[in-house]
Amino acid sequence: MSPEGKKSKPVRRKPAATGDHSPDDGYLDGQLLIAMPVMGDPRFERSVIYMCAHSPEGAMGIIVNRPAGSIDFPGLLVQLDIIKRADQITLPETAESMKVLKGGPVDTGRGFVLHSSDFFIKDATLNIDDGICLTATVDILKAIAKGTGPKHAILALGYAGWAPGQLEDEIQHNGWLHCDADPDLIFGADVDEKYLRALRKIGIDPGMLSNEAGHA
């Protein structure tokens, strides 16, 4: 798989267009992509990706099951000068437990917050599907730090991007399965188990996977 280079930008769609695509149309907005064993790209091996946008212009998604190593959310808030180091001990529980993930190989220095739809910033938040939104401004980090942010959220560094027709080609060549998303798979704390849980969600025993293409 060869995601677009760092100079590329996420696919943009106006919030008003949300819901005009469905898997039946061949578009996977709001769906989960699950990497097949034949993926062959270590950047996406055993990945579960929430699709934020998919259109004839390309596709953009966030990996939801790859921790960002030693980076933690309170420390990131200090690094971004959103809070003082001494204020870390007074952060609300939602901020303390916020997951920081590697969202993909493109724009890794930029943060993308996938979150529940109980938080919305006009002209900044994209309503994707079924109560899931995406916001990529520092304002949502400030809100989470104050305890006024969304009930559920994950912060991803970077994203996965595909050029026009690229994702369709990868699916055709058995690179991905896809299935309906659910908040627990996106926001659940058991990050390391998400891949197996996603496979089981569509009735697949990981040990029985073949190289044949399939769709949920």
N, C-alpha and C. Protein backbone atom coordinates (compact mmCIF):
# COMPACT_ATOMS: atom_id res chain seq x y z
N MET A 1 0.84 -1.18 0.00
CA MET A 1 0.00 0.00 0.00
C MET A 1 0.88 1.24 0.00
N SER A 2 0.51 2.22 -0.78
CA SER A 2 1.30 3.44 -0.87
C SER A 2 0.42 4.65 -0.65
N PRO A 3 0.19 5.04 0.62
CA PRO A 3 -0.62 6.23 0.88
C PRO A 3 0.01 7.44 0.24
N GLU A 4 -0.82 8.46 0.04
CA GLU A 4 -0.34 9.68 -0.57
C GLU A 4 0.75 10.30 0.29
N GLY A 5 1.63 11.06 -0.33
CA GLY A 5 2.76 11.66 0.35
C GLY A 5 2.35 12.72 1.34
N LYS A 6 3.33 13.22 2.05
CA LYS A 6 3.06 14.16 3.12
C LYS A 6 2.46 15.47 2.64
N LYS A 7 2.61 15.80 1.36
CA LYS A 7 2.07 17.05 0.87
C LYS A 7 0.58 16.93 0.56
N SER A 8 0.06 15.71 0.61
CA SER A 8 -1.35 15.52 0.30
C SER A 8 -2.21 15.97 1.47
N LYS A 9 -3.47 16.17 1.20
CA LYS A 9 -4.41 16.62 2.23
C LYS A 9 -5.56 15.63 2.33
N PRO A 10 -6.21 15.55 3.50
CA PRO A 10 -7.35 14.66 3.63
C PRO A 10 -8.44 15.04 2.66
N VAL A 11 -9.21 14.05 2.24
CA VAL A 11 -10.37 14.33 1.41
C VAL A 11 -11.35 15.18 2.19
N ARG A 12 -11.81 16.26 1.63
CA ARG A 12 -12.73 17.16 2.32
C ARG A 12 -14.13 17.00 1.75
N ARG A 13 -15.10 16.89 2.61
CA ARG A 13 -16.50 16.92 2.19
C ARG A 13 -17.26 17.79 3.16
N LYS A 14 -18.22 18.53 2.69
CA LYS A 14 -19.03 19.35 3.56
C LYS A 14 -19.90 18.48 4.45
N PRO A 15 -20.09 18.87 5.72
CA PRO A 15 -20.92 18.08 6.62
C PRO A 15 -22.30 17.79 6.06
N ALA A 16 -22.83 18.69 5.24
CA ALA A 16 -24.17 18.49 4.70
C ALA A 16 -24.25 17.27 3.81
N ALA A 17 -23.09 16.83 3.28
CA ALA A 17 -23.09 15.68 2.38
C ALA A 17 -23.02 14.36 3.13
N THR A 18 -22.84 14.39 4.44
CA THR A 18 -22.71 13.17 5.23
C THR A 18 -23.95 12.29 5.05
N GLY A 19 -23.67 11.00 4.83
CA GLY A 19 -24.78 10.07 4.70
C GLY A 19 -25.20 9.82 3.27
N ASP A 20 -24.58 10.53 2.29
CA ASP A 20 -24.98 10.31 0.91
C ASP A 20 -24.28 9.13 0.29
N HIS A 21 -23.33 8.54 1.00
CA HIS A 21 -22.65 7.35 0.52
C HIS A 21 -22.98 6.18 1.44
N SER A 22 -22.94 5.00 0.91
CA SER A 22 -23.13 3.78 1.70
C SER A 22 -22.27 2.70 1.08
N PRO A 23 -22.00 1.62 1.83
CA PRO A 23 -21.23 0.52 1.26
C PRO A 23 -21.83 -0.01 -0.04
N ASP A 24 -23.16 0.07 -0.17
CA ASP A 24 -23.81 -0.41 -1.39
C ASP A 24 -23.41 0.44 -2.59
N ASP A 25 -23.03 1.71 -2.35
CA ASP A 25 -22.58 2.57 -3.42
C ASP A 25 -21.12 2.34 -3.75
N GLY A 26 -20.44 1.54 -2.95
CA GLY A 26 -19.02 1.34 -3.12
C GLY A 26 -18.18 2.29 -2.29
N TYR A 27 -18.84 3.17 -1.53
CA TYR A 27 -18.12 4.11 -0.67
C TYR A 27 -18.23 3.65 0.77
N LEU A 28 -17.15 3.88 1.53
CA LEU A 28 -17.04 3.28 2.85
C LEU A 28 -17.01 4.29 3.98
N ASP A 29 -17.56 5.48 3.78
CA ASP A 29 -17.65 6.46 4.86
C ASP A 29 -18.30 5.82 6.08
N GLY A 30 -17.69 5.98 7.26
CA GLY A 30 -18.29 5.47 8.48
C GLY A 30 -18.13 3.97 8.67
N GLN A 31 -17.38 3.31 7.81
CA GLN A 31 -17.14 1.87 7.94
C GLN A 31 -15.75 1.63 8.53
N LEU A 32 -15.53 0.40 8.96
CA LEU A 32 -14.20 -0.02 9.40
C LEU A 32 -13.53 -0.84 8.30
N LEU A 33 -12.27 -0.53 8.03
CA LEU A 33 -11.45 -1.38 7.18
C LEU A 33 -10.63 -2.29 8.09
N ILE A 34 -10.55 -3.56 7.74
CA ILE A 34 -9.79 -4.53 8.52
C ILE A 34 -8.74 -5.15 7.60
N ALA A 35 -7.48 -5.02 7.98
CA ALA A 35 -6.40 -5.51 7.13
C ALA A 35 -6.42 -7.03 7.03
N MET A 36 -6.27 -7.53 5.81
CA MET A 36 -6.14 -8.97 5.60
C MET A 36 -4.69 -9.40 5.85
N PRO A 37 -4.48 -10.69 6.16
CA PRO A 37 -3.11 -11.17 6.40
C PRO A 37 -2.18 -10.94 5.21
N VAL A 38 -2.72 -10.82 4.00
CA VAL A 38 -1.87 -10.64 2.82
C VAL A 38 -1.50 -9.17 2.59
N MET A 39 -1.81 -8.32 3.55
CA MET A 39 -1.55 -6.89 3.38
C MET A 39 -0.12 -6.62 2.93
N GLY A 40 0.86 -7.21 3.61
CA GLY A 40 2.24 -7.09 3.17
C GLY A 40 2.90 -5.76 3.44
N ASP A 41 2.19 -4.83 4.07
CA ASP A 41 2.75 -3.52 4.39
C ASP A 41 2.77 -3.38 5.91
N PRO A 42 3.97 -3.35 6.53
CA PRO A 42 4.04 -3.31 7.99
C PRO A 42 3.35 -2.10 8.61
N ARG A 43 3.18 -1.03 7.84
CA ARG A 43 2.50 0.15 8.38
C ARG A 43 1.02 -0.11 8.62
N PHE A 44 0.48 -1.13 7.96
CA PHE A 44 -0.95 -1.40 8.06
C PHE A 44 -1.27 -2.82 8.50
N GLU A 45 -0.25 -3.59 8.86
CA GLU A 45 -0.48 -4.96 9.30
C GLU A 45 -1.37 -4.98 10.54
N ARG A 46 -2.41 -5.81 10.50
CA ARG A 46 -3.37 -5.96 11.60
C ARG A 46 -4.04 -4.64 11.98
N SER A 47 -4.20 -3.76 11.02
CA SER A 47 -4.81 -2.47 11.29
C SER A 47 -6.33 -2.53 11.19
N VAL A 48 -6.96 -1.73 12.04
CA VAL A 48 -8.39 -1.45 11.94
C VAL A 48 -8.49 0.06 11.70
N ILE A 49 -9.11 0.44 10.59
CA ILE A 49 -9.14 1.85 10.19
C ILE A 49 -10.58 2.33 10.09
N TYR A 50 -10.88 3.42 10.78
CA TYR A 50 -12.20 4.04 10.65
C TYR A 50 -12.15 4.99 9.46
N MET A 51 -13.06 4.80 8.50
CA MET A 51 -13.06 5.60 7.29
C MET A 51 -13.83 6.91 7.50
N CYS A 52 -13.10 8.01 7.38
CA CYS A 52 -13.69 9.34 7.58
C CYS A 52 -14.27 9.90 6.29
N ALA A 53 -13.68 9.57 5.16
CA ALA A 53 -14.16 10.07 3.88
C ALA A 53 -13.74 9.12 2.77
N HIS A 54 -14.64 8.91 1.82
CA HIS A 54 -14.36 8.05 0.68
C HIS A 54 -15.21 8.53 -0.48
N SER A 55 -14.57 8.90 -1.56
CA SER A 55 -15.28 9.45 -2.72
C SER A 55 -14.44 9.20 -3.96
N PRO A 56 -14.92 9.61 -5.13
CA PRO A 56 -14.09 9.48 -6.34
C PRO A 56 -12.76 10.24 -6.24
N GLU A 57 -12.66 11.18 -5.30
CA GLU A 57 -11.45 11.97 -5.13
C GLU A 57 -10.39 11.24 -4.31
N GLY A 58 -10.74 10.14 -3.67
CA GLY A 58 -9.81 9.41 -2.84
C GLY A 58 -10.44 9.03 -1.52
N ALA A 59 -9.62 8.72 -0.54
CA ALA A 59 -10.15 8.28 0.75
C ALA A 59 -9.21 8.68 1.87
N MET A 60 -9.79 8.80 3.07
CA MET A 60 -9.01 9.17 4.25
C MET A 60 -9.59 8.44 5.45
N GLY A 61 -8.71 7.87 6.28
CA GLY A 61 -9.17 7.15 7.46
C GLY A 61 -8.17 7.26 8.60
N ILE A 62 -8.61 6.83 9.78
CA ILE A 62 -7.80 6.88 10.99
C ILE A 62 -7.63 5.47 11.55
N ILE A 63 -6.37 5.04 11.75
CA ILE A 63 -6.13 3.75 12.40
C ILE A 63 -6.51 3.87 13.87
N VAL A 64 -7.34 2.96 14.35
CA VAL A 64 -7.86 3.08 15.72
C VAL A 64 -7.29 2.03 16.67
N ASN A 65 -6.29 1.27 16.23
CA ASN A 65 -5.78 0.21 17.10
C ASN A 65 -4.25 0.16 17.16
N ARG A 66 -3.62 1.33 17.00
CA ARG A 66 -2.16 1.36 17.08
C ARG A 66 -1.71 2.45 18.04
N PRO A 67 -1.32 2.10 19.27
CA PRO A 67 -0.89 3.10 20.25
C PRO A 67 0.33 3.89 19.78
N ALA A 68 0.40 5.14 20.23
CA ALA A 68 1.50 6.02 19.82
C ALA A 68 2.69 5.92 20.77
N GLY A 69 3.01 4.72 21.18
CA GLY A 69 4.19 4.49 22.01
C GLY A 69 4.11 5.18 23.36
N SER A 70 5.15 5.94 23.67
CA SER A 70 5.26 6.56 25.00
C SER A 70 4.51 7.89 25.10
N ILE A 71 3.86 8.32 24.03
CA ILE A 71 3.15 9.60 24.05
C ILE A 71 1.83 9.46 24.82
N ASP A 72 1.64 10.30 25.84
CA ASP A 72 0.37 10.28 26.55
C ASP A 72 -0.30 11.64 26.41
N PHE A 73 -1.63 11.65 26.58
CA PHE A 73 -2.41 12.85 26.32
C PHE A 73 -2.05 14.01 27.26
N PRO A 74 -1.96 13.78 28.58
CA PRO A 74 -1.57 14.89 29.46
C PRO A 74 -0.22 15.50 29.08
N GLY A 75 0.74 14.66 28.75
CA GLY A 75 2.05 15.16 28.35
C GLY A 75 1.98 15.96 27.06
N LEU A 76 1.11 15.52 26.15
CA LEU A 76 0.94 16.23 24.89
C LEU A 76 0.32 17.61 25.11
N LEU A 77 -0.61 17.70 26.06
CA LEU A 77 -1.22 18.99 26.38
C LEU A 77 -0.17 19.97 26.90
N VAL A 78 0.77 19.46 27.69
CA VAL A 78 1.86 20.30 28.20
C VAL A 78 2.76 20.74 27.05
N GLN A 79 3.09 19.80 26.18
CA GLN A 79 3.97 20.08 25.05
C GLN A 79 3.37 21.15 24.13
N LEU A 80 2.04 21.16 24.00
CA LEU A 80 1.36 22.12 23.14
C LEU A 80 1.02 23.42 23.86
N ASP A 81 1.46 23.53 25.10
CA ASP A 81 1.20 24.73 25.92
C ASP A 81 -0.29 24.97 26.17
N ILE A 82 -1.06 23.89 26.19
CA ILE A 82 -2.49 24.00 26.50
C ILE A 82 -2.69 24.05 28.01
N ILE A 83 -1.84 23.30 28.74
CA ILE A 83 -1.85 23.35 30.20
C ILE A 83 -0.41 23.46 30.70
N LYS A 84 -0.26 23.86 31.94
CA LYS A 84 1.04 23.86 32.59
C LYS A 84 1.32 22.47 33.15
N ARG A 85 2.58 22.14 33.27
CA ARG A 85 2.93 20.80 33.77
C ARG A 85 2.30 20.53 35.14
N ALA A 86 2.25 21.55 35.99
CA ALA A 86 1.69 21.37 37.34
C ALA A 86 0.19 21.09 37.31
N ASP A 87 -0.46 21.43 36.18
CA ASP A 87 -1.91 21.24 36.09
C ASP A 87 -2.30 19.84 35.65
N GLN A 88 -1.32 18.99 35.35
CA GLN A 88 -1.63 17.64 34.90
C GLN A 88 -2.43 16.86 35.95
N ILE A 89 -2.16 17.13 37.22
CA ILE A 89 -2.82 16.36 38.28
C ILE A 89 -4.28 16.77 38.45
N THR A 90 -4.69 17.88 37.85
CA THR A 90 -6.07 18.34 38.00
C THR A 90 -6.91 18.10 36.76
N LEU A 91 -6.37 17.38 35.80
CA LEU A 91 -7.12 17.10 34.58
C LEU A 91 -8.32 16.21 34.88
N PRO A 92 -9.44 16.39 34.15
CA PRO A 92 -10.58 15.50 34.32
C PRO A 92 -10.24 14.08 33.87
N GLU A 93 -11.01 13.12 34.33
CA GLU A 93 -10.72 11.72 34.03
C GLU A 93 -10.72 11.44 32.54
N THR A 94 -11.62 12.11 31.79
CA THR A 94 -11.68 11.89 30.35
C THR A 94 -10.36 12.27 29.68
N ALA A 95 -9.70 13.30 30.19
CA ALA A 95 -8.41 13.70 29.63
C ALA A 95 -7.29 12.77 30.09
N GLU A 96 -7.34 12.34 31.33
CA GLU A 96 -6.33 11.43 31.87
C GLU A 96 -6.29 10.12 31.09
N SER A 97 -7.47 9.65 30.71
CA SER A 97 -7.56 8.33 30.07
C SER A 97 -7.61 8.39 28.55
N MET A 98 -7.49 9.57 27.99
CA MET A 98 -7.56 9.74 26.53
C MET A 98 -6.47 8.96 25.82
N LYS A 99 -6.85 8.19 24.81
CA LYS A 99 -5.89 7.39 24.06
C LYS A 99 -5.24 8.22 22.97
N VAL A 100 -3.91 8.10 22.84
CA VAL A 100 -3.18 8.72 21.74
C VAL A 100 -2.69 7.60 20.83
N LEU A 101 -3.09 7.66 19.57
CA LEU A 101 -2.82 6.58 18.63
C LEU A 101 -2.01 7.07 17.43
N LYS A 102 -1.39 6.13 16.73
CA LYS A 102 -0.79 6.42 15.43
C LYS A 102 -1.88 6.27 14.39
N GLY A 103 -2.37 7.39 13.89
CA GLY A 103 -3.52 7.35 12.99
C GLY A 103 -3.19 6.95 11.57
N GLY A 104 -1.91 7.00 11.21
CA GLY A 104 -1.50 6.65 9.86
C GLY A 104 -0.21 7.35 9.48
N PRO A 105 0.35 7.02 8.32
CA PRO A 105 1.68 7.53 7.95
C PRO A 105 1.70 8.91 7.32
N VAL A 106 0.54 9.53 7.10
CA VAL A 106 0.50 10.85 6.47
C VAL A 106 0.26 11.92 7.53
N ASP A 107 0.98 13.04 7.44
CA ASP A 107 0.80 14.16 8.37
C ASP A 107 0.92 13.72 9.83
N THR A 108 1.98 13.01 10.15
CA THR A 108 2.11 12.44 11.50
C THR A 108 2.34 13.50 12.58
N GLY A 109 2.65 14.72 12.18
CA GLY A 109 2.81 15.77 13.16
C GLY A 109 1.51 16.50 13.47
N ARG A 110 0.44 16.05 12.89
CA ARG A 110 -0.86 16.70 13.07
C ARG A 110 -1.81 15.77 13.82
N GLY A 111 -2.61 16.35 14.71
CA GLY A 111 -3.55 15.55 15.49
C GLY A 111 -4.96 15.59 14.93
N PHE A 112 -5.61 14.44 14.95
CA PHE A 112 -6.98 14.30 14.49
C PHE A 112 -7.78 13.63 15.61
N VAL A 113 -8.86 14.25 16.04
CA VAL A 113 -9.66 13.69 17.13
C VAL A 113 -10.95 13.09 16.56
N LEU A 114 -11.08 11.78 16.71
CA LEU A 114 -12.35 11.11 16.43
C LEU A 114 -13.16 11.15 17.72
N HIS A 115 -14.42 11.55 17.62
CA HIS A 115 -15.16 11.72 18.87
C HIS A 115 -16.66 11.53 18.67
N SER A 116 -17.36 11.41 19.79
CA SER A 116 -18.82 11.29 19.76
C SER A 116 -19.43 12.63 19.36
N SER A 117 -20.67 12.58 18.90
CA SER A 117 -21.30 13.76 18.30
C SER A 117 -21.88 14.73 19.32
N ASP A 118 -21.60 14.53 20.61
CA ASP A 118 -22.08 15.47 21.62
C ASP A 118 -21.19 16.71 21.71
N PHE A 119 -20.19 16.80 20.83
CA PHE A 119 -19.32 17.97 20.77
C PHE A 119 -19.20 18.37 19.31
N PHE A 120 -19.33 19.68 19.05
CA PHE A 120 -19.31 20.14 17.66
C PHE A 120 -18.78 21.57 17.60
N ILE A 121 -17.84 21.82 16.69
CA ILE A 121 -17.33 23.16 16.45
C ILE A 121 -17.70 23.54 15.03
N LYS A 122 -18.45 24.61 14.88
CA LYS A 122 -18.90 25.04 13.56
C LYS A 122 -17.71 25.30 12.64
N ASP A 123 -17.82 24.79 11.42
CA ASP A 123 -16.80 24.95 10.39
C ASP A 123 -15.49 24.23 10.70
N ALA A 124 -15.48 23.40 11.75
CA ALA A 124 -14.26 22.66 12.09
C ALA A 124 -14.52 21.18 12.29
N THR A 125 -15.74 20.83 12.68
CA THR A 125 -16.08 19.43 12.96
C THR A 125 -16.80 18.82 11.77
N LEU A 126 -16.33 17.65 11.34
CA LEU A 126 -16.99 16.90 10.27
C LEU A 126 -17.82 15.78 10.89
N ASN A 127 -19.12 15.83 10.66
CA ASN A 127 -20.01 14.76 11.12
C ASN A 127 -19.95 13.64 10.09
N ILE A 128 -19.39 12.50 10.48
CA ILE A 128 -19.14 11.44 9.51
C ILE A 128 -20.33 10.51 9.36
N ASP A 129 -20.65 9.79 10.43
CA ASP A 129 -21.75 8.83 10.32
C ASP A 129 -22.07 8.27 11.70
N ASP A 130 -23.36 8.04 11.94
CA ASP A 130 -23.80 7.31 13.13
C ASP A 130 -23.19 7.85 14.43
N GLY A 131 -23.22 9.16 14.59
CA GLY A 131 -22.77 9.74 15.84
C GLY A 131 -21.27 9.88 16.00
N ILE A 132 -20.50 9.69 14.93
CA ILE A 132 -19.05 9.81 14.98
C ILE A 132 -18.62 11.05 14.21
N CYS A 133 -17.75 11.85 14.84
CA CYS A 133 -17.28 13.09 14.22
C CYS A 133 -15.76 13.14 14.21
N LEU A 134 -15.23 14.05 13.39
CA LEU A 134 -13.79 14.28 13.31
C LEU A 134 -13.52 15.77 13.45
N THR A 135 -12.61 16.13 14.37
CA THR A 135 -12.19 17.52 14.54
C THR A 135 -10.67 17.55 14.61
N ALA A 136 -10.07 18.50 13.90
CA ALA A 136 -8.60 18.55 13.83
C ALA A 136 -8.06 19.91 14.22
N THR A 137 -8.74 20.59 15.15
CA THR A 137 -8.25 21.88 15.64
C THR A 137 -7.88 21.75 17.12
N VAL A 138 -7.04 22.68 17.58
CA VAL A 138 -6.57 22.64 18.97
C VAL A 138 -7.72 22.94 19.94
N ASP A 139 -8.79 23.54 19.47
CA ASP A 139 -9.91 23.90 20.35
C ASP A 139 -10.52 22.69 21.04
N ILE A 140 -10.57 21.56 20.34
CA ILE A 140 -11.16 20.38 20.96
C ILE A 140 -10.24 19.84 22.05
N LEU A 141 -8.93 19.98 21.89
CA LEU A 141 -8.00 19.54 22.93
C LEU A 141 -8.15 20.41 24.18
N LYS A 142 -8.35 21.70 23.97
CA LYS A 142 -8.56 22.61 25.10
C LYS A 142 -9.85 22.25 25.83
N ALA A 143 -10.91 21.91 25.06
CA ALA A 143 -12.18 21.55 25.68
C ALA A 143 -12.06 20.27 26.50
N ILE A 144 -11.35 19.29 25.96
CA ILE A 144 -11.15 18.03 26.69
C ILE A 144 -10.37 18.29 27.98
N ALA A 145 -9.37 19.15 27.90
CA ALA A 145 -8.57 19.47 29.08
C ALA A 145 -9.40 20.15 30.17
N LYS A 146 -10.44 20.88 29.76
CA LYS A 146 -11.31 21.59 30.71
C LYS A 146 -12.48 20.72 31.18
N GLY A 147 -12.64 19.55 30.56
CA GLY A 147 -13.76 18.69 30.92
C GLY A 147 -15.04 19.04 30.20
N THR A 148 -14.95 19.86 29.14
CA THR A 148 -16.13 20.26 28.37
C THR A 148 -16.14 19.67 26.97
N GLY A 149 -15.29 18.69 26.74
CA GLY A 149 -15.20 18.07 25.43
C GLY A 149 -16.20 16.94 25.25
N PRO A 150 -16.05 16.14 24.22
CA PRO A 150 -16.96 15.01 23.96
C PRO A 150 -16.83 13.92 25.02
N LYS A 151 -17.88 13.14 25.16
CA LYS A 151 -17.87 12.04 26.13
C LYS A 151 -16.87 10.97 25.73
N HIS A 152 -16.79 10.69 24.44
CA HIS A 152 -15.87 9.67 23.93
C HIS A 152 -14.97 10.29 22.87
N ALA A 153 -13.67 9.99 22.93
CA ALA A 153 -12.75 10.55 21.95
C ALA A 153 -11.43 9.79 21.96
N ILE A 154 -10.77 9.79 20.82
CA ILE A 154 -9.38 9.32 20.71
C ILE A 154 -8.63 10.35 19.89
N LEU A 155 -7.36 10.54 20.21
CA LEU A 155 -6.51 11.45 19.46
C LEU A 155 -5.55 10.62 18.61
N ALA A 156 -5.57 10.87 17.31
CA ALA A 156 -4.70 10.15 16.39
C ALA A 156 -3.67 11.11 15.80
N LEU A 157 -2.43 10.68 15.75
CA LEU A 157 -1.37 11.46 15.11
C LEU A 157 -1.18 10.92 13.71
N GLY A 158 -1.54 11.73 12.71
CA GLY A 158 -1.47 11.29 11.33
C GLY A 158 -2.74 10.58 10.88
N TYR A 159 -2.77 10.26 9.59
CA TYR A 159 -3.93 9.57 9.01
C TYR A 159 -3.48 8.70 7.86
N ALA A 160 -4.36 7.86 7.38
CA ALA A 160 -4.11 7.04 6.20
C ALA A 160 -4.85 7.66 5.02
N GLY A 161 -4.16 7.83 3.90
CA GLY A 161 -4.79 8.45 2.74
C GLY A 161 -4.58 7.63 1.48
N TRP A 162 -5.56 7.65 0.60
CA TRP A 162 -5.49 6.93 -0.66
C TRP A 162 -5.82 7.86 -1.82
N ALA A 163 -5.11 7.71 -2.91
CA ALA A 163 -5.38 8.45 -4.13
C ALA A 163 -6.66 7.92 -4.78
N PRO A 164 -7.24 8.64 -5.74
CA PRO A 164 -8.45 8.16 -6.41
C PRO A 164 -8.27 6.74 -6.96
N GLY A 165 -9.19 5.86 -6.60
CA GLY A 165 -9.18 4.49 -7.09
C GLY A 165 -8.23 3.55 -6.38
N GLN A 166 -7.34 4.08 -5.53
CA GLN A 166 -6.32 3.24 -4.90
C GLN A 166 -6.92 2.27 -3.89
N LEU A 167 -7.82 2.75 -3.04
CA LEU A 167 -8.43 1.87 -2.04
C LEU A 167 -9.26 0.79 -2.71
N GLU A 168 -10.00 1.16 -3.73
CA GLU A 168 -10.81 0.17 -4.45
C GLU A 168 -9.93 -0.94 -5.02
N ASP A 169 -8.75 -0.55 -5.54
CA ASP A 169 -7.83 -1.53 -6.09
C ASP A 169 -7.29 -2.46 -5.01
N GLU A 170 -6.99 -1.90 -3.84
CA GLU A 170 -6.47 -2.72 -2.74
C GLU A 170 -7.52 -3.71 -2.24
N ILE A 171 -8.77 -3.27 -2.18
CA ILE A 171 -9.85 -4.17 -1.77
C ILE A 171 -10.01 -5.28 -2.81
N GLN A 172 -9.94 -4.91 -4.08
CA GLN A 172 -10.07 -5.89 -5.16
C GLN A 172 -8.96 -6.94 -5.09
N HIS A 173 -7.80 -6.54 -4.59
CA HIS A 173 -6.66 -7.46 -4.49
C HIS A 173 -6.52 -8.03 -3.08
N ASN A 174 -7.63 -8.12 -2.39
CA ASN A 174 -7.71 -8.85 -1.12
C ASN A 174 -6.96 -8.18 0.03
N GLY A 175 -6.74 -6.87 -0.06
CA GLY A 175 -6.01 -6.21 1.00
C GLY A 175 -6.84 -5.92 2.24
N TRP A 176 -8.15 -5.72 2.04
CA TRP A 176 -9.00 -5.28 3.14
C TRP A 176 -10.34 -5.98 3.15
N LEU A 177 -10.86 -6.18 4.34
CA LEU A 177 -12.27 -6.46 4.57
C LEU A 177 -12.89 -5.18 5.11
N HIS A 178 -14.21 -5.08 5.08
CA HIS A 178 -14.84 -3.93 5.72
C HIS A 178 -16.12 -4.36 6.41
N CYS A 179 -16.50 -3.60 7.43
CA CYS A 179 -17.70 -3.91 8.19
C CYS A 179 -18.24 -2.63 8.83
N ASP A 180 -19.43 -2.74 9.37
CA ASP A 180 -20.01 -1.60 10.09
C ASP A 180 -19.14 -1.27 11.30
N ALA A 181 -19.02 0.01 11.58
CA ALA A 181 -18.30 0.44 12.77
C ALA A 181 -19.23 0.50 13.96
N ASP A 182 -18.67 0.50 15.15
CA ASP A 182 -19.45 0.75 16.35
C ASP A 182 -18.57 1.49 17.34
N PRO A 183 -19.16 2.31 18.21
CA PRO A 183 -18.38 3.15 19.11
C PRO A 183 -17.40 2.37 19.98
N ASP A 184 -17.75 1.16 20.38
CA ASP A 184 -16.88 0.40 21.25
C ASP A 184 -15.58 0.01 20.55
N LEU A 185 -15.69 -0.32 19.26
CA LEU A 185 -14.48 -0.66 18.51
C LEU A 185 -13.62 0.56 18.25
N ILE A 186 -14.25 1.72 18.12
CA ILE A 186 -13.49 2.94 17.86
C ILE A 186 -12.86 3.48 19.14
N PHE A 187 -13.67 3.58 20.20
CA PHE A 187 -13.23 4.26 21.42
C PHE A 187 -12.82 3.33 22.55
N GLY A 188 -12.99 2.02 22.38
CA GLY A 188 -12.71 1.07 23.45
C GLY A 188 -11.27 1.14 23.94
N ALA A 189 -11.09 0.85 25.22
CA ALA A 189 -9.77 0.95 25.84
C ALA A 189 -8.85 -0.22 25.46
N ASP A 190 -9.43 -1.34 25.05
CA ASP A 190 -8.64 -2.54 24.76
C ASP A 190 -8.06 -2.45 23.34
N VAL A 191 -7.17 -1.51 23.12
CA VAL A 191 -6.64 -1.23 21.79
C VAL A 191 -6.03 -2.48 21.15
N ASP A 192 -5.28 -3.25 21.91
CA ASP A 192 -4.58 -4.40 21.36
C ASP A 192 -5.53 -5.51 20.90
N GLU A 193 -6.77 -5.50 21.38
CA GLU A 193 -7.73 -6.54 21.03
C GLU A 193 -8.66 -6.15 19.89
N LYS A 194 -8.55 -4.91 19.42
CA LYS A 194 -9.53 -4.42 18.44
C LYS A 194 -9.49 -5.19 17.12
N TYR A 195 -8.31 -5.59 16.69
CA TYR A 195 -8.21 -6.30 15.42
C TYR A 195 -8.99 -7.63 15.46
N LEU A 196 -8.75 -8.41 16.51
CA LEU A 196 -9.45 -9.69 16.64
C LEU A 196 -10.94 -9.48 16.85
N ARG A 197 -11.30 -8.46 17.62
CA ARG A 197 -12.71 -8.18 17.87
C ARG A 197 -13.42 -7.75 16.60
N ALA A 198 -12.72 -6.98 15.75
CA ALA A 198 -13.32 -6.55 14.49
C ALA A 198 -13.57 -7.75 13.57
N LEU A 199 -12.62 -8.68 13.54
CA LEU A 199 -12.81 -9.88 12.72
C LEU A 199 -13.98 -10.71 13.25
N ARG A 200 -14.04 -10.86 14.56
CA ARG A 200 -15.13 -11.66 15.13
C ARG A 200 -16.48 -10.98 14.91
N LYS A 201 -16.48 -9.65 14.85
CA LYS A 201 -17.72 -8.91 14.63
C LYS A 201 -18.38 -9.32 13.30
N ILE A 202 -17.55 -9.66 12.33
CA ILE A 202 -18.10 -10.08 11.04
C ILE A 202 -18.07 -11.60 10.88
N GLY A 203 -17.91 -12.28 12.01
CA GLY A 203 -18.04 -13.74 12.00
C GLY A 203 -16.84 -14.48 11.46
N ILE A 204 -15.66 -13.89 11.56
CA ILE A 204 -14.46 -14.53 11.02
C ILE A 204 -13.55 -15.01 12.15
N ASP A 205 -13.16 -16.26 12.08
CA ASP A 205 -12.16 -16.80 12.99
C ASP A 205 -10.80 -16.44 12.42
N PRO A 206 -9.99 -15.64 13.13
CA PRO A 206 -8.70 -15.21 12.59
C PRO A 206 -7.83 -16.36 12.09
N GLY A 207 -7.92 -17.49 12.72
CA GLY A 207 -7.12 -18.63 12.32
C GLY A 207 -7.58 -19.28 11.03
N MET A 208 -8.78 -18.91 10.58
CA MET A 208 -9.33 -19.53 9.38
C MET A 208 -9.28 -18.60 8.16
N LEU A 209 -8.67 -17.42 8.33
CA LEU A 209 -8.62 -16.47 7.21
C LEU A 209 -7.84 -17.04 6.04
N SER A 210 -8.37 -16.85 4.85
CA SER A 210 -7.67 -17.25 3.63
C SER A 210 -7.30 -16.01 2.86
N ASN A 211 -6.71 -16.17 1.70
CA ASN A 211 -6.33 -15.04 0.87
C ASN A 211 -7.45 -14.61 -0.07
N GLU A 212 -8.61 -15.22 0.07
CA GLU A 212 -9.71 -14.86 -0.80
C GLU A 212 -10.33 -13.55 -0.36
N ALA A 213 -10.79 -12.79 -1.30
CA ALA A 213 -11.43 -11.51 -0.98
C ALA A 213 -12.77 -11.78 -0.33
N GLY A 214 -13.20 -10.85 0.48
CA GLY A 214 -14.51 -10.98 1.10
C GLY A 214 -14.94 -9.68 1.68
N HIS A 215 -16.23 -9.50 1.83
CA HIS A 215 -16.78 -8.28 2.40
C HIS A 215 -17.87 -8.66 3.38
N ALA A 216 -17.97 -7.87 4.43
CA ALA A 216 -19.03 -8.12 5.41
C ALA A 216 -20.34 -7.64 4.86
